[in-house]
Each structure stands twice: as C-alpha cells, then as structure tokens.
N, C-alpha and C. Protein backbone atom coordinates (compact mmCIF):
# COMPACT_ATOMS: atom_id res chain seq x y z
N MET A 1 -26.02 -28.11 -63.28
CA MET A 1 -25.11 -27.56 -62.30
C MET A 1 -25.23 -26.03 -62.25
N ARG A 2 -25.37 -25.44 -63.44
CA ARG A 2 -25.53 -23.98 -63.48
C ARG A 2 -26.75 -23.55 -62.68
N LEU A 3 -27.81 -24.31 -62.80
CA LEU A 3 -29.03 -23.99 -62.07
C LEU A 3 -28.76 -23.97 -60.57
N PHE A 4 -27.97 -24.90 -60.08
CA PHE A 4 -27.60 -24.95 -58.66
C PHE A 4 -26.89 -23.66 -58.25
N TYR A 5 -25.91 -23.23 -59.03
CA TYR A 5 -25.17 -22.00 -58.72
C TYR A 5 -26.07 -20.77 -58.79
N ILE A 6 -26.96 -20.75 -59.74
CA ILE A 6 -27.88 -19.63 -59.87
C ILE A 6 -28.79 -19.56 -58.65
N ILE A 7 -29.27 -20.71 -58.19
CA ILE A 7 -30.13 -20.73 -57.00
C ILE A 7 -29.35 -20.26 -55.78
N ILE A 8 -28.13 -20.72 -55.60
CA ILE A 8 -27.29 -20.32 -54.46
C ILE A 8 -27.04 -18.81 -54.50
N ILE A 9 -26.69 -18.27 -55.65
CA ILE A 9 -26.45 -16.84 -55.79
C ILE A 9 -27.74 -16.07 -55.51
N PHE A 10 -28.85 -16.53 -56.03
CA PHE A 10 -30.13 -15.87 -55.81
C PHE A 10 -30.46 -15.84 -54.31
N LEU A 11 -30.28 -16.94 -53.63
CA LEU A 11 -30.55 -17.00 -52.19
C LEU A 11 -29.62 -16.08 -51.40
N ALA A 12 -28.36 -16.05 -51.75
CA ALA A 12 -27.39 -15.21 -51.04
C ALA A 12 -27.72 -13.73 -51.22
N VAL A 13 -28.13 -13.35 -52.42
CA VAL A 13 -28.43 -11.95 -52.70
C VAL A 13 -29.77 -11.54 -52.10
N SER A 14 -30.72 -12.44 -52.07
CA SER A 14 -32.06 -12.08 -51.62
C SER A 14 -32.22 -12.12 -50.11
N CYS A 15 -31.30 -12.72 -49.38
CA CYS A 15 -31.42 -12.78 -47.91
C CYS A 15 -31.18 -11.40 -47.32
N LYS A 16 -32.10 -11.01 -46.47
CA LYS A 16 -31.99 -9.72 -45.79
C LYS A 16 -31.99 -9.98 -44.29
N PRO A 17 -31.17 -9.23 -43.53
CA PRO A 17 -31.21 -9.42 -42.08
C PRO A 17 -32.57 -8.99 -41.54
N THR A 18 -33.03 -9.66 -40.50
CA THR A 18 -34.34 -9.35 -39.95
C THR A 18 -34.34 -8.04 -39.16
N GLN A 19 -33.21 -7.68 -38.58
CA GLN A 19 -33.11 -6.41 -37.85
C GLN A 19 -31.80 -5.74 -38.22
N LYS A 20 -31.84 -4.46 -38.25
CA LYS A 20 -30.62 -3.71 -38.51
C LYS A 20 -29.78 -3.68 -37.25
N ILE A 21 -28.49 -3.51 -37.41
CA ILE A 21 -27.58 -3.47 -36.26
C ILE A 21 -27.96 -2.35 -35.32
N ASP A 22 -28.35 -1.20 -35.83
CA ASP A 22 -28.73 -0.07 -34.98
C ASP A 22 -29.92 -0.42 -34.10
N GLU A 23 -30.90 -1.13 -34.66
CA GLU A 23 -32.08 -1.51 -33.87
C GLU A 23 -31.70 -2.47 -32.76
N VAL A 24 -30.83 -3.42 -33.05
CA VAL A 24 -30.38 -4.37 -32.03
C VAL A 24 -29.62 -3.63 -30.94
N THR A 25 -28.77 -2.68 -31.33
CA THR A 25 -28.00 -1.91 -30.36
C THR A 25 -28.92 -1.10 -29.46
N LYS A 26 -29.94 -0.46 -30.02
CA LYS A 26 -30.88 0.32 -29.22
C LYS A 26 -31.63 -0.56 -28.23
N GLU A 27 -32.04 -1.75 -28.67
CA GLU A 27 -32.73 -2.67 -27.77
C GLU A 27 -31.81 -3.11 -26.63
N ALA A 28 -30.55 -3.35 -26.94
CA ALA A 28 -29.59 -3.74 -25.91
C ALA A 28 -29.39 -2.61 -24.91
N GLU A 29 -29.31 -1.36 -25.41
CA GLU A 29 -29.15 -0.21 -24.52
C GLU A 29 -30.35 -0.08 -23.59
N LYS A 30 -31.56 -0.30 -24.10
CA LYS A 30 -32.75 -0.23 -23.26
C LYS A 30 -32.69 -1.28 -22.16
N THR A 31 -32.26 -2.49 -22.51
CA THR A 31 -32.15 -3.56 -21.52
C THR A 31 -31.14 -3.20 -20.45
N ILE A 32 -29.99 -2.67 -20.86
CA ILE A 32 -28.96 -2.28 -19.89
C ILE A 32 -29.50 -1.18 -19.00
N GLU A 33 -30.21 -0.20 -19.56
CA GLU A 33 -30.77 0.90 -18.79
C GLU A 33 -31.75 0.38 -17.73
N VAL A 34 -32.60 -0.57 -18.10
CA VAL A 34 -33.58 -1.12 -17.16
C VAL A 34 -32.86 -1.83 -16.03
N VAL A 35 -31.84 -2.62 -16.35
CA VAL A 35 -31.13 -3.38 -15.33
C VAL A 35 -30.40 -2.46 -14.37
N THR A 36 -29.79 -1.38 -14.87
CA THR A 36 -28.98 -0.53 -14.01
C THR A 36 -29.79 0.59 -13.35
N SER A 37 -31.04 0.79 -13.73
CA SER A 37 -31.78 1.92 -13.20
C SER A 37 -32.68 1.58 -12.02
N THR A 38 -32.60 0.39 -11.48
CA THR A 38 -33.48 -0.03 -10.41
C THR A 38 -33.20 0.76 -9.14
N CYS A 39 -34.16 1.57 -8.74
CA CYS A 39 -34.12 2.32 -7.47
C CYS A 39 -32.79 3.03 -7.22
N ASN A 40 -32.27 3.72 -8.20
CA ASN A 40 -30.97 4.37 -8.01
C ASN A 40 -31.04 5.89 -7.89
N THR A 41 -32.24 6.45 -7.78
CA THR A 41 -32.41 7.89 -7.63
C THR A 41 -32.85 8.17 -6.20
N PHE A 42 -32.17 9.12 -5.55
CA PHE A 42 -32.51 9.47 -4.17
C PHE A 42 -33.42 10.68 -4.16
N GLY A 43 -34.37 10.69 -3.24
CA GLY A 43 -35.29 11.81 -3.14
C GLY A 43 -35.96 11.86 -1.79
N THR A 44 -36.69 12.96 -1.58
CA THR A 44 -37.44 13.16 -0.36
C THR A 44 -38.87 13.53 -0.74
N VAL A 45 -39.83 12.89 -0.09
CA VAL A 45 -41.24 13.15 -0.38
C VAL A 45 -41.64 14.46 0.29
N GLN A 46 -42.32 15.30 -0.48
CA GLN A 46 -42.74 16.62 0.02
C GLN A 46 -44.25 16.77 -0.17
N LYS A 47 -44.95 17.11 0.88
CA LYS A 47 -46.39 17.40 0.82
C LYS A 47 -46.55 18.78 0.20
N THR A 48 -47.55 18.93 -0.66
CA THR A 48 -47.79 20.24 -1.27
C THR A 48 -49.17 20.75 -0.86
N SER A 49 -49.32 22.03 -1.00
CA SER A 49 -50.63 22.63 -0.74
C SER A 49 -51.25 23.10 -2.05
N LEU A 50 -50.69 22.64 -3.16
CA LEU A 50 -51.17 23.04 -4.48
C LEU A 50 -52.41 22.24 -4.86
N ASP A 51 -53.31 22.87 -5.59
CA ASP A 51 -54.49 22.18 -6.09
C ASP A 51 -54.07 21.12 -7.10
N GLY A 52 -54.65 19.96 -7.00
CA GLY A 52 -54.42 18.93 -8.00
C GLY A 52 -53.28 17.98 -7.71
N CYS A 53 -52.48 18.26 -6.70
CA CYS A 53 -51.43 17.31 -6.36
C CYS A 53 -51.20 17.33 -4.85
N SER A 54 -50.85 16.20 -4.34
CA SER A 54 -50.66 16.14 -2.89
C SER A 54 -49.19 15.94 -2.53
N TYR A 55 -48.43 15.21 -3.36
CA TYR A 55 -47.03 14.95 -3.06
C TYR A 55 -46.15 15.19 -4.28
N LEU A 56 -44.97 15.69 -4.02
CA LEU A 56 -43.91 15.78 -5.01
C LEU A 56 -42.71 15.05 -4.43
N ILE A 57 -41.80 14.65 -5.29
CA ILE A 57 -40.55 14.08 -4.82
C ILE A 57 -39.45 15.05 -5.21
N VAL A 58 -38.69 15.48 -4.21
CA VAL A 58 -37.58 16.40 -4.44
C VAL A 58 -36.31 15.57 -4.60
N LEU A 59 -35.66 15.71 -5.73
CA LEU A 59 -34.44 14.97 -6.00
C LEU A 59 -33.26 15.62 -5.29
N GLU A 60 -32.14 14.93 -5.22
CA GLU A 60 -30.96 15.46 -4.54
C GLU A 60 -30.46 16.77 -5.15
N ASN A 61 -30.69 16.94 -6.46
CA ASN A 61 -30.23 18.17 -7.12
C ASN A 61 -31.23 19.32 -6.99
N GLY A 62 -32.32 19.10 -6.24
CA GLY A 62 -33.32 20.14 -6.02
C GLY A 62 -34.48 20.13 -6.99
N LYS A 63 -34.36 19.39 -8.08
CA LYS A 63 -35.47 19.29 -9.03
C LYS A 63 -36.58 18.48 -8.41
N LYS A 64 -37.80 18.71 -8.90
CA LYS A 64 -38.97 18.02 -8.37
C LYS A 64 -39.65 17.23 -9.48
N VAL A 65 -40.27 16.12 -9.08
CA VAL A 65 -41.10 15.34 -10.00
C VAL A 65 -42.42 15.04 -9.31
N GLU A 66 -43.47 14.92 -10.10
CA GLU A 66 -44.78 14.60 -9.56
C GLU A 66 -45.13 13.15 -9.90
N PRO A 67 -45.18 12.27 -8.89
CA PRO A 67 -45.53 10.88 -9.17
C PRO A 67 -47.03 10.74 -9.42
N VAL A 68 -47.40 10.41 -10.65
CA VAL A 68 -48.82 10.22 -10.97
C VAL A 68 -49.19 8.75 -10.97
N VAL A 69 -48.20 7.88 -11.11
CA VAL A 69 -48.41 6.44 -11.04
C VAL A 69 -47.28 5.85 -10.21
N ILE A 70 -47.63 5.05 -9.21
CA ILE A 70 -46.64 4.30 -8.44
C ILE A 70 -46.98 2.83 -8.64
N GLU A 71 -46.08 2.10 -9.30
CA GLU A 71 -46.37 0.72 -9.65
C GLU A 71 -46.49 -0.19 -8.42
N ASP A 72 -45.80 0.13 -7.34
CA ASP A 72 -45.92 -0.64 -6.10
C ASP A 72 -47.15 -0.13 -5.35
N GLU A 73 -48.25 -0.84 -5.48
CA GLU A 73 -49.51 -0.40 -4.90
C GLU A 73 -49.49 -0.37 -3.38
N ASN A 74 -48.56 -1.09 -2.76
CA ASN A 74 -48.48 -1.15 -1.30
C ASN A 74 -47.70 0.02 -0.69
N PHE A 75 -46.97 0.75 -1.51
CA PHE A 75 -46.17 1.86 -0.99
C PHE A 75 -47.03 3.11 -0.88
N LYS A 76 -47.07 3.71 0.27
CA LYS A 76 -47.83 4.94 0.50
C LYS A 76 -46.87 6.09 0.77
N LEU A 77 -47.01 7.15 0.00
CA LEU A 77 -46.17 8.32 0.19
C LEU A 77 -46.58 9.06 1.46
N GLU A 78 -45.57 9.54 2.18
CA GLU A 78 -45.80 10.36 3.36
C GLU A 78 -44.75 11.47 3.37
N ALA A 79 -45.15 12.64 3.80
CA ALA A 79 -44.24 13.78 3.83
C ALA A 79 -43.00 13.45 4.65
N GLY A 80 -41.85 13.83 4.11
CA GLY A 80 -40.59 13.65 4.82
C GLY A 80 -39.89 12.33 4.58
N GLN A 81 -40.55 11.39 3.89
CA GLN A 81 -39.90 10.11 3.64
C GLN A 81 -38.65 10.30 2.80
N LYS A 82 -37.57 9.64 3.18
CA LYS A 82 -36.35 9.58 2.38
C LYS A 82 -36.43 8.28 1.60
N ILE A 83 -36.36 8.39 0.29
CA ILE A 83 -36.56 7.22 -0.57
C ILE A 83 -35.47 7.10 -1.61
N HIS A 84 -35.33 5.92 -2.16
CA HIS A 84 -34.63 5.76 -3.42
C HIS A 84 -35.61 5.07 -4.35
N PHE A 85 -35.60 5.51 -5.60
CA PHE A 85 -36.63 5.08 -6.54
C PHE A 85 -36.12 5.16 -7.96
N ALA A 86 -36.90 4.61 -8.86
CA ALA A 86 -36.64 4.71 -10.30
C ALA A 86 -37.93 5.23 -10.93
N TYR A 87 -37.78 5.99 -11.98
CA TYR A 87 -38.97 6.56 -12.62
C TYR A 87 -38.77 6.74 -14.11
N GLU A 88 -39.89 6.88 -14.78
CA GLU A 88 -39.92 7.19 -16.20
C GLU A 88 -40.82 8.39 -16.39
N LYS A 89 -40.45 9.27 -17.29
CA LYS A 89 -41.32 10.41 -17.57
C LYS A 89 -42.62 9.88 -18.14
N GLU A 90 -43.72 10.45 -17.67
CA GLU A 90 -45.05 10.01 -18.10
C GLU A 90 -45.54 11.01 -19.13
N GLU A 91 -45.31 10.69 -20.40
CA GLU A 91 -45.66 11.60 -21.50
C GLU A 91 -47.16 11.59 -21.79
N GLU A 92 -47.81 10.49 -21.50
CA GLU A 92 -49.21 10.32 -21.87
C GLU A 92 -50.19 10.93 -20.85
N MET A 93 -49.75 11.19 -19.64
CA MET A 93 -50.63 11.70 -18.60
C MET A 93 -50.40 13.18 -18.35
N MET A 94 -51.47 13.85 -18.04
CA MET A 94 -51.38 15.26 -17.71
C MET A 94 -51.85 15.42 -16.26
N SER A 95 -51.44 16.51 -15.65
CA SER A 95 -51.85 16.78 -14.28
C SER A 95 -52.22 18.25 -14.17
N ILE A 96 -53.19 18.56 -13.32
CA ILE A 96 -53.53 19.97 -13.14
C ILE A 96 -52.59 20.64 -12.14
N CYS A 97 -51.75 19.85 -11.49
CA CYS A 97 -50.80 20.38 -10.53
C CYS A 97 -49.79 21.31 -11.21
N MET A 98 -49.18 20.83 -12.27
CA MET A 98 -48.20 21.58 -13.08
C MET A 98 -47.07 22.18 -12.26
N ALA A 99 -46.67 21.54 -11.18
CA ALA A 99 -45.55 22.02 -10.38
C ALA A 99 -44.26 21.33 -10.76
N ALA A 100 -44.37 20.21 -11.46
CA ALA A 100 -43.19 19.43 -11.82
C ALA A 100 -43.58 18.44 -12.93
N PRO A 101 -42.58 17.89 -13.61
CA PRO A 101 -42.89 16.88 -14.63
C PRO A 101 -43.57 15.66 -14.00
N THR A 102 -44.53 15.09 -14.71
CA THR A 102 -45.22 13.90 -14.21
C THR A 102 -44.38 12.66 -14.51
N VAL A 103 -44.36 11.73 -13.54
CA VAL A 103 -43.55 10.52 -13.70
C VAL A 103 -44.31 9.29 -13.24
N ARG A 104 -43.89 8.15 -13.77
CA ARG A 104 -44.35 6.83 -13.34
C ARG A 104 -43.22 6.27 -12.49
N VAL A 105 -43.49 5.96 -11.23
CA VAL A 105 -42.49 5.40 -10.34
C VAL A 105 -42.49 3.89 -10.55
N THR A 106 -41.38 3.36 -11.06
CA THR A 106 -41.29 1.94 -11.38
C THR A 106 -40.68 1.11 -10.25
N CYS A 107 -40.01 1.77 -9.33
CA CYS A 107 -39.38 1.09 -8.19
C CYS A 107 -39.27 2.12 -7.08
N ILE A 108 -39.63 1.75 -5.86
CA ILE A 108 -39.54 2.71 -4.75
C ILE A 108 -39.30 1.94 -3.45
N GLU A 109 -38.38 2.46 -2.65
CA GLU A 109 -38.06 1.86 -1.36
C GLU A 109 -37.70 2.98 -0.39
N LEU A 110 -37.98 2.75 0.88
CA LEU A 110 -37.52 3.68 1.92
C LEU A 110 -36.01 3.54 2.04
N ARG A 111 -35.32 4.65 2.20
CA ARG A 111 -33.88 4.60 2.43
C ARG A 111 -33.62 4.15 3.85
N LYS A 112 -32.63 3.32 4.01
CA LYS A 112 -32.23 2.89 5.34
C LYS A 112 -31.40 3.99 5.97
N LYS A 113 -31.40 4.03 7.28
CA LYS A 113 -30.61 5.05 7.97
C LYS A 113 -29.16 4.93 7.56
N GLY A 114 -28.55 6.08 7.31
CA GLY A 114 -27.15 6.11 6.88
C GLY A 114 -27.00 6.14 5.38
N GLN A 115 -28.08 6.02 4.62
CA GLN A 115 -27.98 6.08 3.16
C GLN A 115 -28.24 7.48 2.67
C-alpha cells in the first residue's frame, strides 16, 4: 500500500504543465488581435516620385507606410484610392525607398462611398 502512495505522490510532484499561463495568455492575445484587426485601418494610396518605391499608403493620422508585400495578389494599388486595410510591420525586408516603414498588407479593400 505504501508503494501505491509513493507512486501517487511521485506522479503528482513530477507532473509539469506543458505551457505556462503567460504563454497561453500571449497566444490568446495574438488570436484576438488577428480576429479584430481585419481591414480596420483607413488610408489613401499615394504615388511617389522617389527612387525605389512607387506607392505609399497615407494613414488617417498622416503617417505613411510602404507596402512591400500585398497578400491579395489581385489588388492593384492606384494613386488616390481610398482603402481600408490591415498590415504588419515587415522587419525582415528592407527597401531602398526609405520614405516610410515597410509593411506586409494582410487585408485590403476599397472603401465604399461614405466610409
């Protein structure tokens, strides 16, 4: 009987959680961010005359981003387009444009009139 209790105590003490609570919380926050970030940034496409880049997106607050990757291959940027989009900073890519931070556009749509 003692052996049974020793085994139970050994198992209870030796069990470790597979993930820490902080890691689970961070993963949940990432999931929430992805779900709520779909095409929620408003901007206007601007043609540039700078070497190395042809278009920038001007955000509502006046800041600019340079789209180096647009995941929707069917969407073509044109000067003056009013869009709503989602993006991630592109840390791995560099651009010779250097007019704005480089971004990966993960979602992009033309804004409907009145938006």
